Amino acid sequence: MKPRLAAVLAVLAMLAVAWRLGAFEAARDPAALAQSLVAMGAWGYLAFVLSYTVLQPFGVPGTVFVFAAPLIWPWPIAFALSMTGTMAASVVGFSFARFVARDWVARRLPARFSRYEQSLAERGFATVALLRFVFWMPQVLHAFLGVSRVGFWTHFWGSLVGYVVPLLLVSYFGQKLWEVMREAPPSTWAAVVSALLCVGITTWALRRRRARLTERA
């Protein structure tokens, strides 16, 4: 069987199983979803991983799953499920770009990703690990790695190494972070929002200045 056809059939099969387990219907109510997943036992693990695998590569942020897992299960289970789902979603996103829609994806990638091409050609494993460690699992990164020259297994193992520390930290501290956020007074939230706005405005201004200097040069 050709790789392209195999990738399409695999995604369709996972979508069918996730639908059969009720993952899409339950996702409309997060509280009910959490209760359902816990009540399902091992089937809840499967529903979580399948939903993560088929939804994240095509639009749903992976952080939704990663931060939700420690609120539902003890951190060791949350970490195992987050790693499994993240790796599976990464493989699906990579394979879709590599085998199914390579030309279509390549035409829509931001130009800024081209600066990583040389690093991927010379230090593929280290570059993939670093990109995953810093940016995690955005769909555009799946797509870029899929159309790049990096090999499948280099991408797989580099992604695995890059994900370990961030996902472990979120799984271990996720519940504690949620409790702190829930108990924080409005003044704290106002300060956080103000700080983020300042960072965003400063970053935008610096990028504008750099763009103008580049145009003049």
N, C-alpha and C. Protein backbone atom coordinates (compact mmCIF):
# COMPACT_ATOMS: atom_id res chain seq x y z
N MET A 1 0.85 -1.20 0.00
CA MET A 1 0.00 0.00 0.00
C MET A 1 0.88 1.25 0.00
N LYS A 2 0.52 2.25 -0.81
CA LYS A 2 1.31 3.47 -0.89
C LYS A 2 1.22 4.25 0.42
N PRO A 3 2.32 4.93 0.81
CA PRO A 3 2.31 5.70 2.07
C PRO A 3 1.19 6.72 2.14
N ARG A 4 0.89 7.38 1.01
CA ARG A 4 -0.16 8.41 1.02
C ARG A 4 -1.51 7.79 1.36
N LEU A 5 -1.85 6.69 0.72
CA LEU A 5 -3.13 6.03 0.97
C LEU A 5 -3.19 5.49 2.39
N ALA A 6 -2.08 4.93 2.87
CA ALA A 6 -2.03 4.39 4.23
C ALA A 6 -2.26 5.48 5.25
N ALA A 7 -1.67 6.67 5.04
CA ALA A 7 -1.84 7.79 5.97
C ALA A 7 -3.29 8.24 6.02
N VAL A 8 -3.93 8.35 4.84
CA VAL A 8 -5.33 8.76 4.79
C VAL A 8 -6.23 7.75 5.50
N LEU A 9 -6.02 6.47 5.22
CA LEU A 9 -6.85 5.43 5.83
C LEU A 9 -6.66 5.39 7.34
N ALA A 10 -5.42 5.61 7.81
CA ALA A 10 -5.16 5.61 9.24
C ALA A 10 -5.91 6.74 9.94
N VAL A 11 -5.88 7.94 9.36
CA VAL A 11 -6.60 9.07 9.95
C VAL A 11 -8.10 8.81 9.96
N LEU A 12 -8.64 8.30 8.86
CA LEU A 12 -10.07 8.00 8.80
C LEU A 12 -10.46 6.95 9.83
N ALA A 13 -9.63 5.94 10.02
CA ALA A 13 -9.91 4.91 11.00
C ALA A 13 -9.94 5.48 12.41
N MET A 14 -8.97 6.36 12.73
CA MET A 14 -8.94 6.96 14.06
C MET A 14 -10.13 7.88 14.29
N LEU A 15 -10.55 8.60 13.25
CA LEU A 15 -11.74 9.44 13.37
C LEU A 15 -12.98 8.60 13.67
N ALA A 16 -13.09 7.46 12.99
CA ALA A 16 -14.24 6.59 13.19
C ALA A 16 -14.28 6.02 14.60
N VAL A 17 -13.12 5.60 15.10
CA VAL A 17 -13.07 5.05 16.46
C VAL A 17 -13.37 6.11 17.49
N ALA A 18 -12.80 7.32 17.31
CA ALA A 18 -13.05 8.41 18.26
C ALA A 18 -14.54 8.78 18.27
N TRP A 19 -15.16 8.80 17.10
CA TRP A 19 -16.59 9.08 17.03
C TRP A 19 -17.39 7.98 17.72
N ARG A 20 -16.99 6.73 17.49
CA ARG A 20 -17.70 5.59 18.09
C ARG A 20 -17.62 5.64 19.61
N LEU A 21 -16.51 6.13 20.14
CA LEU A 21 -16.35 6.24 21.59
C LEU A 21 -17.06 7.46 22.18
N GLY A 22 -17.62 8.30 21.31
CA GLY A 22 -18.36 9.46 21.79
C GLY A 22 -17.49 10.65 22.14
N ALA A 23 -16.27 10.69 21.65
CA ALA A 23 -15.35 11.75 22.04
C ALA A 23 -15.82 13.11 21.52
N PHE A 24 -16.34 13.18 20.30
CA PHE A 24 -16.73 14.46 19.73
C PHE A 24 -17.98 15.01 20.41
N GLU A 25 -18.91 14.16 20.71
CA GLU A 25 -20.13 14.59 21.37
C GLU A 25 -19.83 15.08 22.78
N ALA A 26 -18.99 14.37 23.50
CA ALA A 26 -18.68 14.73 24.88
C ALA A 26 -17.86 16.01 24.96
N ALA A 27 -17.12 16.32 23.91
CA ALA A 27 -16.25 17.50 23.94
C ALA A 27 -17.03 18.80 24.02
N ARG A 28 -18.33 18.76 23.76
CA ARG A 28 -19.14 19.98 23.86
C ARG A 28 -19.30 20.43 25.31
N ASP A 29 -19.14 19.55 26.24
CA ASP A 29 -19.28 19.87 27.66
C ASP A 29 -18.02 19.38 28.38
N PRO A 30 -17.04 20.28 28.65
CA PRO A 30 -15.78 19.85 29.25
C PRO A 30 -15.93 19.12 30.58
N ALA A 31 -16.84 19.60 31.44
CA ALA A 31 -17.01 18.96 32.74
C ALA A 31 -17.54 17.54 32.58
N ALA A 32 -18.52 17.40 31.71
CA ALA A 32 -19.08 16.07 31.45
C ALA A 32 -18.04 15.18 30.79
N LEU A 33 -17.22 15.78 29.94
CA LEU A 33 -16.17 15.00 29.27
C LEU A 33 -15.20 14.42 30.29
N ALA A 34 -14.77 15.23 31.25
CA ALA A 34 -13.83 14.77 32.27
C ALA A 34 -14.43 13.62 33.07
N GLN A 35 -15.70 13.77 33.47
CA GLN A 35 -16.35 12.71 34.24
C GLN A 35 -16.48 11.44 33.41
N SER A 36 -16.81 11.61 32.14
CA SER A 36 -16.97 10.45 31.26
C SER A 36 -15.65 9.71 31.07
N LEU A 37 -14.58 10.45 30.88
CA LEU A 37 -13.27 9.83 30.66
C LEU A 37 -12.83 9.04 31.89
N VAL A 38 -13.03 9.61 33.07
CA VAL A 38 -12.66 8.90 34.30
C VAL A 38 -13.50 7.64 34.46
N ALA A 39 -14.80 7.77 34.19
CA ALA A 39 -15.70 6.63 34.35
C ALA A 39 -15.40 5.51 33.36
N MET A 40 -14.84 5.85 32.22
CA MET A 40 -14.55 4.86 31.18
C MET A 40 -13.31 4.03 31.47
N GLY A 41 -12.51 4.44 32.46
CA GLY A 41 -11.30 3.68 32.78
C GLY A 41 -10.32 3.69 31.63
N ALA A 42 -9.85 2.48 31.24
CA ALA A 42 -8.87 2.37 30.16
C ALA A 42 -9.43 2.87 28.84
N TRP A 43 -10.74 2.72 28.62
CA TRP A 43 -11.35 3.24 27.40
C TRP A 43 -11.29 4.76 27.37
N GLY A 44 -11.30 5.38 28.54
CA GLY A 44 -11.15 6.83 28.61
C GLY A 44 -9.78 7.26 28.14
N TYR A 45 -8.77 6.47 28.49
CA TYR A 45 -7.42 6.77 28.00
C TYR A 45 -7.40 6.73 26.46
N LEU A 46 -8.03 5.70 25.91
CA LEU A 46 -8.04 5.54 24.46
C LEU A 46 -8.80 6.69 23.79
N ALA A 47 -9.94 7.07 24.37
CA ALA A 47 -10.74 8.16 23.80
C ALA A 47 -9.95 9.46 23.82
N PHE A 48 -9.23 9.71 24.91
CA PHE A 48 -8.42 10.93 25.03
C PHE A 48 -7.33 10.96 23.96
N VAL A 49 -6.60 9.87 23.84
CA VAL A 49 -5.49 9.81 22.89
C VAL A 49 -6.00 9.92 21.46
N LEU A 50 -7.08 9.21 21.14
CA LEU A 50 -7.62 9.26 19.78
C LEU A 50 -8.14 10.66 19.44
N SER A 51 -8.84 11.27 20.39
CA SER A 51 -9.35 12.63 20.14
C SER A 51 -8.19 13.59 19.91
N TYR A 52 -7.18 13.49 20.74
CA TYR A 52 -5.98 14.32 20.61
C TYR A 52 -5.34 14.09 19.24
N THR A 53 -5.20 12.83 18.87
CA THR A 53 -4.50 12.46 17.64
C THR A 53 -5.17 13.01 16.39
N VAL A 54 -6.49 12.94 16.34
CA VAL A 54 -7.19 13.32 15.10
C VAL A 54 -7.65 14.77 15.08
N LEU A 55 -7.74 15.42 16.24
CA LEU A 55 -8.21 16.80 16.27
C LEU A 55 -7.07 17.81 16.26
N GLN A 56 -5.99 17.52 16.98
CA GLN A 56 -4.92 18.51 17.10
C GLN A 56 -4.25 18.85 15.76
N PRO A 57 -3.92 17.88 14.92
CA PRO A 57 -3.24 18.24 13.67
C PRO A 57 -4.07 19.11 12.73
N PHE A 58 -5.38 19.18 12.95
CA PHE A 58 -6.26 19.87 12.03
C PHE A 58 -7.00 21.04 12.67
N GLY A 59 -6.41 21.62 13.73
CA GLY A 59 -6.97 22.88 14.24
C GLY A 59 -7.13 23.03 15.73
N VAL A 60 -7.37 21.96 16.48
CA VAL A 60 -7.57 22.09 17.93
C VAL A 60 -6.20 22.21 18.61
N PRO A 61 -5.98 23.25 19.43
CA PRO A 61 -4.67 23.41 20.08
C PRO A 61 -4.32 22.22 20.97
N GLY A 62 -3.10 21.73 20.85
CA GLY A 62 -2.67 20.61 21.68
C GLY A 62 -2.60 20.96 23.15
N THR A 63 -2.40 22.26 23.46
CA THR A 63 -2.32 22.67 24.87
C THR A 63 -3.64 22.41 25.60
N VAL A 64 -4.75 22.41 24.86
CA VAL A 64 -6.03 22.10 25.49
C VAL A 64 -5.99 20.72 26.12
N PHE A 65 -5.46 19.74 25.39
CA PHE A 65 -5.37 18.38 25.89
C PHE A 65 -4.31 18.25 26.98
N VAL A 66 -3.15 18.88 26.75
CA VAL A 66 -2.03 18.75 27.68
C VAL A 66 -2.37 19.34 29.05
N PHE A 67 -3.03 20.48 29.06
CA PHE A 67 -3.37 21.11 30.33
C PHE A 67 -4.60 20.48 30.97
N ALA A 68 -5.45 19.85 30.16
CA ALA A 68 -6.64 19.19 30.72
C ALA A 68 -6.30 17.87 31.39
N ALA A 69 -5.30 17.16 30.86
CA ALA A 69 -4.99 15.81 31.37
C ALA A 69 -4.70 15.79 32.86
N PRO A 70 -3.84 16.67 33.42
CA PRO A 70 -3.58 16.60 34.87
C PRO A 70 -4.76 17.03 35.72
N LEU A 71 -5.76 17.67 35.12
CA LEU A 71 -6.97 18.01 35.87
C LEU A 71 -7.93 16.83 35.94
N ILE A 72 -7.68 15.82 35.11
CA ILE A 72 -8.56 14.65 35.06
C ILE A 72 -7.94 13.44 35.76
N TRP A 73 -6.63 13.23 35.54
CA TRP A 73 -5.95 12.04 36.07
C TRP A 73 -4.74 12.43 36.92
N PRO A 74 -4.23 11.50 37.73
CA PRO A 74 -2.96 11.74 38.45
C PRO A 74 -1.85 12.03 37.45
N TRP A 75 -0.84 12.79 37.91
CA TRP A 75 0.15 13.29 36.94
C TRP A 75 0.91 12.20 36.17
N PRO A 76 1.23 11.04 36.75
CA PRO A 76 1.94 10.04 35.92
C PRO A 76 1.09 9.57 34.73
N ILE A 77 -0.22 9.37 34.99
CA ILE A 77 -1.10 8.96 33.90
C ILE A 77 -1.26 10.11 32.90
N ALA A 78 -1.42 11.33 33.43
CA ALA A 78 -1.56 12.50 32.56
C ALA A 78 -0.34 12.66 31.67
N PHE A 79 0.84 12.45 32.22
CA PHE A 79 2.07 12.58 31.44
C PHE A 79 2.13 11.52 30.34
N ALA A 80 1.83 10.28 30.70
CA ALA A 80 1.86 9.19 29.70
C ALA A 80 0.86 9.45 28.58
N LEU A 81 -0.35 9.88 28.92
CA LEU A 81 -1.36 10.14 27.91
C LEU A 81 -1.00 11.35 27.06
N SER A 82 -0.46 12.40 27.70
CA SER A 82 -0.07 13.59 26.95
C SER A 82 1.05 13.27 25.97
N MET A 83 2.04 12.49 26.42
CA MET A 83 3.14 12.13 25.54
C MET A 83 2.64 11.28 24.37
N THR A 84 1.78 10.31 24.68
CA THR A 84 1.26 9.43 23.63
C THR A 84 0.44 10.22 22.61
N GLY A 85 -0.48 11.05 23.12
CA GLY A 85 -1.32 11.84 22.22
C GLY A 85 -0.52 12.85 21.41
N THR A 86 0.44 13.50 22.06
CA THR A 86 1.25 14.50 21.37
C THR A 86 2.09 13.87 20.27
N MET A 87 2.71 12.73 20.58
CA MET A 87 3.51 12.05 19.57
C MET A 87 2.63 11.55 18.42
N ALA A 88 1.47 11.00 18.74
CA ALA A 88 0.58 10.50 17.69
C ALA A 88 0.09 11.64 16.81
N ALA A 89 -0.28 12.77 17.42
CA ALA A 89 -0.74 13.92 16.65
C ALA A 89 0.39 14.47 15.78
N SER A 90 1.60 14.48 16.31
CA SER A 90 2.74 14.96 15.55
C SER A 90 3.00 14.08 14.33
N VAL A 91 2.89 12.78 14.52
CA VAL A 91 3.09 11.85 13.41
C VAL A 91 2.01 12.04 12.34
N VAL A 92 0.76 12.23 12.77
CA VAL A 92 -0.32 12.44 11.82
C VAL A 92 -0.11 13.74 11.04
N GLY A 93 0.23 14.82 11.78
CA GLY A 93 0.46 16.09 11.11
C GLY A 93 1.64 16.04 10.15
N PHE A 94 2.72 15.41 10.59
CA PHE A 94 3.91 15.24 9.75
C PHE A 94 3.58 14.40 8.51
N SER A 95 2.90 13.29 8.71
CA SER A 95 2.58 12.37 7.61
C SER A 95 1.61 13.01 6.61
N PHE A 96 0.66 13.80 7.13
CA PHE A 96 -0.27 14.48 6.22
C PHE A 96 0.48 15.42 5.29
N ALA A 97 1.42 16.20 5.87
CA ALA A 97 2.20 17.13 5.06
C ALA A 97 3.18 16.40 4.14
N ARG A 98 3.74 15.29 4.59
CA ARG A 98 4.75 14.58 3.82
C ARG A 98 4.13 13.74 2.70
N PHE A 99 3.04 13.02 2.99
CA PHE A 99 2.52 12.03 2.04
C PHE A 99 1.21 12.40 1.36
N VAL A 100 0.42 13.28 1.97
CA VAL A 100 -0.93 13.54 1.46
C VAL A 100 -1.02 14.86 0.71
N ALA A 101 -0.54 15.94 1.29
CA ALA A 101 -0.75 17.26 0.70
C ALA A 101 0.53 18.08 0.71
N ARG A 102 1.62 17.47 0.30
CA ARG A 102 2.93 18.13 0.40
C ARG A 102 2.98 19.46 -0.37
N ASP A 103 2.58 19.47 -1.63
CA ASP A 103 2.66 20.69 -2.44
C ASP A 103 1.73 21.77 -1.90
N TRP A 104 0.53 21.39 -1.52
CA TRP A 104 -0.45 22.35 -0.99
C TRP A 104 0.05 22.97 0.30
N VAL A 105 0.62 22.15 1.18
CA VAL A 105 1.15 22.65 2.45
C VAL A 105 2.35 23.55 2.22
N ALA A 106 3.26 23.15 1.34
CA ALA A 106 4.48 23.91 1.11
C ALA A 106 4.19 25.32 0.62
N ARG A 107 3.13 25.48 -0.18
CA ARG A 107 2.80 26.80 -0.72
C ARG A 107 2.25 27.73 0.36
N ARG A 108 1.79 27.19 1.48
CA ARG A 108 1.13 28.00 2.50
C ARG A 108 1.97 28.20 3.76
N LEU A 109 3.16 27.68 3.78
CA LEU A 109 4.01 27.84 4.96
C LEU A 109 4.60 29.25 5.01
N PRO A 110 4.67 29.85 6.20
CA PRO A 110 5.30 31.17 6.33
C PRO A 110 6.76 31.12 5.89
N ALA A 111 7.22 32.18 5.25
CA ALA A 111 8.60 32.21 4.72
C ALA A 111 9.64 32.11 5.82
N ARG A 112 9.29 32.54 7.04
CA ARG A 112 10.28 32.56 8.12
C ARG A 112 10.80 31.17 8.48
N PHE A 113 10.05 30.12 8.13
CA PHE A 113 10.50 28.78 8.46
C PHE A 113 11.68 28.34 7.59
N SER A 114 11.90 29.02 6.49
CA SER A 114 12.99 28.62 5.60
C SER A 114 14.36 28.74 6.27
N ARG A 115 14.46 29.57 7.30
CA ARG A 115 15.76 29.75 7.96
C ARG A 115 16.20 28.51 8.72
N TYR A 116 15.26 27.58 8.97
CA TYR A 116 15.61 26.36 9.69
C TYR A 116 16.02 25.23 8.75
N GLU A 117 15.88 25.43 7.45
CA GLU A 117 16.15 24.36 6.49
C GLU A 117 17.60 23.88 6.57
N GLN A 118 18.53 24.82 6.63
CA GLN A 118 19.93 24.45 6.67
C GLN A 118 20.26 23.67 7.94
N SER A 119 19.71 24.12 9.06
CA SER A 119 19.95 23.43 10.33
C SER A 119 19.38 22.01 10.30
N LEU A 120 18.22 21.85 9.68
CA LEU A 120 17.62 20.52 9.58
C LEU A 120 18.47 19.61 8.71
N ALA A 121 19.06 20.18 7.65
CA ALA A 121 19.90 19.37 6.76
C ALA A 121 21.18 18.95 7.45
N GLU A 122 21.75 19.80 8.31
CA GLU A 122 23.04 19.52 8.95
C GLU A 122 22.90 18.85 10.31
N ARG A 123 21.89 19.28 11.08
CA ARG A 123 21.70 18.77 12.45
C ARG A 123 20.22 18.48 12.66
N GLY A 124 19.72 17.51 11.91
CA GLY A 124 18.29 17.23 11.91
C GLY A 124 17.72 16.91 13.27
N PHE A 125 18.32 15.94 13.97
CA PHE A 125 17.80 15.49 15.26
C PHE A 125 17.80 16.64 16.27
N ALA A 126 18.92 17.33 16.41
CA ALA A 126 19.04 18.41 17.39
C ALA A 126 18.08 19.56 17.06
N THR A 127 17.92 19.87 15.78
CA THR A 127 17.04 20.97 15.39
C THR A 127 15.59 20.62 15.67
N VAL A 128 15.18 19.40 15.35
CA VAL A 128 13.80 18.99 15.63
C VAL A 128 13.54 19.02 17.14
N ALA A 129 14.48 18.49 17.93
CA ALA A 129 14.32 18.48 19.38
C ALA A 129 14.18 19.90 19.92
N LEU A 130 15.00 20.81 19.42
CA LEU A 130 14.95 22.19 19.89
C LEU A 130 13.64 22.86 19.50
N LEU A 131 13.20 22.67 18.26
CA LEU A 131 11.95 23.27 17.81
C LEU A 131 10.76 22.75 18.62
N ARG A 132 10.76 21.45 18.90
CA ARG A 132 9.66 20.88 19.70
C ARG A 132 9.73 21.37 21.15
N PHE A 133 10.92 21.51 21.68
CA PHE A 133 11.08 21.98 23.06
C PHE A 133 10.57 23.41 23.21
N VAL A 134 10.85 24.25 22.22
CA VAL A 134 10.49 25.67 22.29
C VAL A 134 9.04 25.91 21.88
N PHE A 135 8.62 25.32 20.74
CA PHE A 135 7.31 25.65 20.18
C PHE A 135 6.25 24.58 20.45
N TRP A 136 6.63 23.40 20.94
CA TRP A 136 5.72 22.30 21.21
C TRP A 136 5.13 21.75 19.92
N MET A 137 3.77 21.82 19.80
CA MET A 137 3.13 21.06 18.73
C MET A 137 2.17 21.87 17.86
N PRO A 138 2.52 23.09 17.44
CA PRO A 138 1.60 23.82 16.56
C PRO A 138 1.47 23.11 15.20
N GLN A 139 0.31 23.24 14.60
CA GLN A 139 0.05 22.56 13.33
C GLN A 139 1.04 23.01 12.25
N VAL A 140 1.41 24.29 12.27
CA VAL A 140 2.32 24.79 11.23
C VAL A 140 3.70 24.15 11.35
N LEU A 141 4.10 23.79 12.57
CA LEU A 141 5.40 23.13 12.74
C LEU A 141 5.33 21.69 12.24
N HIS A 142 4.22 20.99 12.49
CA HIS A 142 4.04 19.67 11.90
C HIS A 142 4.21 19.75 10.38
N ALA A 143 3.54 20.77 9.80
CA ALA A 143 3.55 20.91 8.34
C ALA A 143 4.96 21.20 7.83
N PHE A 144 5.65 22.12 8.50
CA PHE A 144 6.99 22.48 8.06
C PHE A 144 7.93 21.28 8.10
N LEU A 145 7.91 20.53 9.19
CA LEU A 145 8.78 19.36 9.31
C LEU A 145 8.39 18.30 8.28
N GLY A 146 7.09 18.22 7.97
CA GLY A 146 6.64 17.24 6.99
C GLY A 146 7.17 17.51 5.59
N VAL A 147 7.28 18.78 5.21
CA VAL A 147 7.75 19.11 3.86
C VAL A 147 9.25 19.36 3.82
N SER A 148 9.91 19.32 4.98
CA SER A 148 11.35 19.53 5.02
C SER A 148 12.08 18.26 4.58
N ARG A 149 13.40 18.30 4.61
CA ARG A 149 14.22 17.16 4.21
C ARG A 149 14.52 16.21 5.37
N VAL A 150 14.02 16.52 6.54
CA VAL A 150 14.30 15.67 7.70
C VAL A 150 13.58 14.33 7.54
N GLY A 151 14.25 13.24 7.93
CA GLY A 151 13.66 11.91 7.81
C GLY A 151 12.58 11.65 8.84
N PHE A 152 11.72 10.67 8.55
CA PHE A 152 10.61 10.36 9.46
C PHE A 152 11.10 10.01 10.85
N TRP A 153 12.07 9.09 10.95
CA TRP A 153 12.51 8.64 12.27
C TRP A 153 13.33 9.70 12.98
N THR A 154 14.04 10.53 12.25
CA THR A 154 14.73 11.66 12.88
C THR A 154 13.70 12.60 13.50
N HIS A 155 12.62 12.85 12.76
CA HIS A 155 11.54 13.68 13.29
C HIS A 155 10.90 13.02 14.50
N PHE A 156 10.67 11.72 14.43
CA PHE A 156 9.99 11.02 15.53
C PHE A 156 10.81 11.11 16.83
N TRP A 157 12.06 10.70 16.77
CA TRP A 157 12.87 10.66 17.99
C TRP A 157 13.25 12.06 18.46
N GLY A 158 13.49 12.97 17.52
CA GLY A 158 13.77 14.35 17.92
C GLY A 158 12.58 14.98 18.61
N SER A 159 11.38 14.72 18.11
CA SER A 159 10.16 15.24 18.74
C SER A 159 9.98 14.65 20.12
N LEU A 160 10.21 13.36 20.25
CA LEU A 160 10.06 12.69 21.54
C LEU A 160 10.95 13.34 22.60
N VAL A 161 12.21 13.55 22.24
CA VAL A 161 13.15 14.17 23.18
C VAL A 161 12.74 15.61 23.51
N GLY A 162 12.31 16.35 22.48
CA GLY A 162 11.93 17.74 22.70
C GLY A 162 10.69 17.91 23.56
N TYR A 163 9.79 16.94 23.51
CA TYR A 163 8.53 17.05 24.26
C TYR A 163 8.66 16.67 25.74
N VAL A 164 9.62 15.86 26.09
CA VAL A 164 9.65 15.24 27.42
C VAL A 164 9.57 16.27 28.54
N VAL A 165 10.49 17.22 28.55
CA VAL A 165 10.55 18.17 29.67
C VAL A 165 9.31 19.05 29.75
N PRO A 166 8.88 19.71 28.67
CA PRO A 166 7.68 20.56 28.79
C PRO A 166 6.44 19.80 29.24
N LEU A 167 6.21 18.61 28.67
CA LEU A 167 5.02 17.86 29.04
C LEU A 167 5.10 17.31 30.45
N LEU A 168 6.30 16.96 30.89
CA LEU A 168 6.47 16.50 32.26
C LEU A 168 6.17 17.62 33.25
N LEU A 169 6.63 18.82 32.96
CA LEU A 169 6.38 19.97 33.84
C LEU A 169 4.90 20.30 33.90
N VAL A 170 4.24 20.30 32.74
CA VAL A 170 2.80 20.61 32.73
C VAL A 170 2.02 19.53 33.46
N SER A 171 2.37 18.28 33.25
CA SER A 171 1.65 17.18 33.91
C SER A 171 1.83 17.22 35.42
N TYR A 172 3.03 17.55 35.87
CA TYR A 172 3.31 17.53 37.31
C TYR A 172 2.73 18.76 38.02
N PHE A 173 2.88 19.93 37.38
CA PHE A 173 2.45 21.17 38.03
C PHE A 173 1.09 21.67 37.55
N GLY A 174 0.48 20.99 36.59
CA GLY A 174 -0.77 21.47 36.02
C GLY A 174 -1.87 21.67 37.03
N GLN A 175 -2.09 20.70 37.91
CA GLN A 175 -3.14 20.80 38.93
C GLN A 175 -2.86 21.95 39.89
N LYS A 176 -1.60 22.07 40.32
CA LYS A 176 -1.22 23.15 41.24
C LYS A 176 -1.38 24.51 40.58
N LEU A 177 -1.00 24.61 39.30
CA LEU A 177 -1.13 25.87 38.58
C LEU A 177 -2.59 26.27 38.44
N TRP A 178 -3.44 25.29 38.17
CA TRP A 178 -4.86 25.57 38.04
C TRP A 178 -5.43 26.10 39.35
N GLU A 179 -5.03 25.52 40.47
CA GLU A 179 -5.51 25.98 41.77
C GLU A 179 -5.06 27.40 42.06
N VAL A 180 -3.80 27.71 41.71
CA VAL A 180 -3.29 29.07 41.92
C VAL A 180 -4.08 30.06 41.05
N MET A 181 -4.31 29.71 39.80
CA MET A 181 -5.05 30.60 38.89
C MET A 181 -6.48 30.82 39.36
N ARG A 182 -7.09 29.76 39.88
CA ARG A 182 -8.48 29.87 40.30
C ARG A 182 -8.63 30.75 41.53
N GLU A 183 -7.61 30.75 42.40
CA GLU A 183 -7.69 31.52 43.64
C GLU A 183 -7.09 32.92 43.52
N ALA A 184 -6.51 33.25 42.37
CA ALA A 184 -5.87 34.56 42.20
C ALA A 184 -6.92 35.66 42.19
N PRO A 185 -6.68 36.79 42.87
CA PRO A 185 -7.63 37.91 42.88
C PRO A 185 -7.65 38.63 41.54
N PRO A 186 -8.71 39.40 41.27
CA PRO A 186 -8.80 40.13 39.99
C PRO A 186 -7.61 41.04 39.73
N SER A 187 -7.04 41.63 40.79
CA SER A 187 -5.90 42.54 40.59
C SER A 187 -4.71 41.81 39.99
N THR A 188 -4.53 40.55 40.36
CA THR A 188 -3.42 39.76 39.81
C THR A 188 -3.64 39.51 38.32
N TRP A 189 -4.88 39.17 37.96
CA TRP A 189 -5.18 38.94 36.55
C TRP A 189 -4.99 40.21 35.74
N ALA A 190 -5.38 41.36 36.32
CA ALA A 190 -5.20 42.63 35.62
C ALA A 190 -3.73 42.91 35.37
N ALA A 191 -2.89 42.60 36.38
CA ALA A 191 -1.45 42.83 36.23
C ALA A 191 -0.86 41.91 35.16
N VAL A 192 -1.31 40.65 35.14
CA VAL A 192 -0.81 39.70 34.15
C VAL A 192 -1.20 40.14 32.74
N VAL A 193 -2.46 40.54 32.57
CA VAL A 193 -2.92 40.99 31.25
C VAL A 193 -2.15 42.23 30.81
N SER A 194 -1.93 43.16 31.74
CA SER A 194 -1.18 44.38 31.40
C SER A 194 0.25 44.04 30.98
N ALA A 195 0.87 43.11 31.69
CA ALA A 195 2.24 42.71 31.35
C ALA A 195 2.30 42.07 29.97
N LEU A 196 1.32 41.21 29.68
CA LEU A 196 1.29 40.56 28.37
C LEU A 196 1.07 41.58 27.25
N LEU A 197 0.22 42.57 27.50
CA LEU A 197 0.00 43.60 26.50
C LEU A 197 1.28 44.40 26.25
N CYS A 198 1.99 44.71 27.33
CA CYS A 198 3.25 45.45 27.18
C CYS A 198 4.27 44.65 26.37
N VAL A 199 4.36 43.36 26.67
CA VAL A 199 5.29 42.50 25.92
C VAL A 199 4.89 42.42 24.46
N GLY A 200 3.60 42.28 24.21
CA GLY A 200 3.13 42.19 22.84
C GLY A 200 3.39 43.47 22.05
N ILE A 201 3.11 44.62 22.66
CA ILE A 201 3.33 45.90 21.98
C ILE A 201 4.81 46.13 21.73
N THR A 202 5.64 45.80 22.72
CA THR A 202 7.09 45.97 22.55
C THR A 202 7.63 45.08 21.44
N THR A 203 7.17 43.82 21.42
CA THR A 203 7.61 42.90 20.37
C THR A 203 7.19 43.40 18.99
N TRP A 204 5.95 43.88 18.89
CA TRP A 204 5.46 44.41 17.61
C TRP A 204 6.29 45.61 17.16
N ALA A 205 6.59 46.50 18.09
CA ALA A 205 7.36 47.70 17.75
C ALA A 205 8.77 47.35 17.30
N LEU A 206 9.39 46.38 17.98
CA LEU A 206 10.74 45.97 17.59
C LEU A 206 10.76 45.32 16.22
N ARG A 207 9.75 44.51 15.94
CA ARG A 207 9.68 43.87 14.62
C ARG A 207 9.46 44.90 13.52
N ARG A 208 8.62 45.90 13.80
CA ARG A 208 8.39 46.96 12.82
C ARG A 208 9.68 47.72 12.55
N ARG A 209 10.42 48.01 13.62
CA ARG A 209 11.67 48.75 13.47
C ARG A 209 12.68 47.95 12.67
N ARG A 210 12.78 46.63 12.96
CA ARG A 210 13.71 45.79 12.24
C ARG A 210 13.34 45.69 10.77
N ALA A 211 12.02 45.61 10.49
CA ALA A 211 11.56 45.52 9.10
C ALA A 211 11.92 46.79 8.32
N ARG A 212 11.77 47.95 8.97
CA ARG A 212 12.10 49.21 8.31
C ARG A 212 13.59 49.31 8.03
N LEU A 213 14.41 48.87 9.00
CA LEU A 213 15.85 48.91 8.81
C LEU A 213 16.26 47.98 7.67
N THR A 214 15.58 46.83 7.56
CA THR A 214 15.88 45.88 6.49
C THR A 214 15.53 46.47 5.13
N GLU A 215 14.39 47.16 5.06
CA GLU A 215 13.98 47.78 3.80
C GLU A 215 14.96 48.87 3.37
N ARG A 216 15.45 49.66 4.32
CA ARG A 216 16.39 50.72 4.00
C ARG A 216 17.74 50.16 3.53
N ALA A 217 18.12 49.03 4.14
CA ALA A 217 19.40 48.42 3.77
C ALA A 217 19.31 47.83 2.36
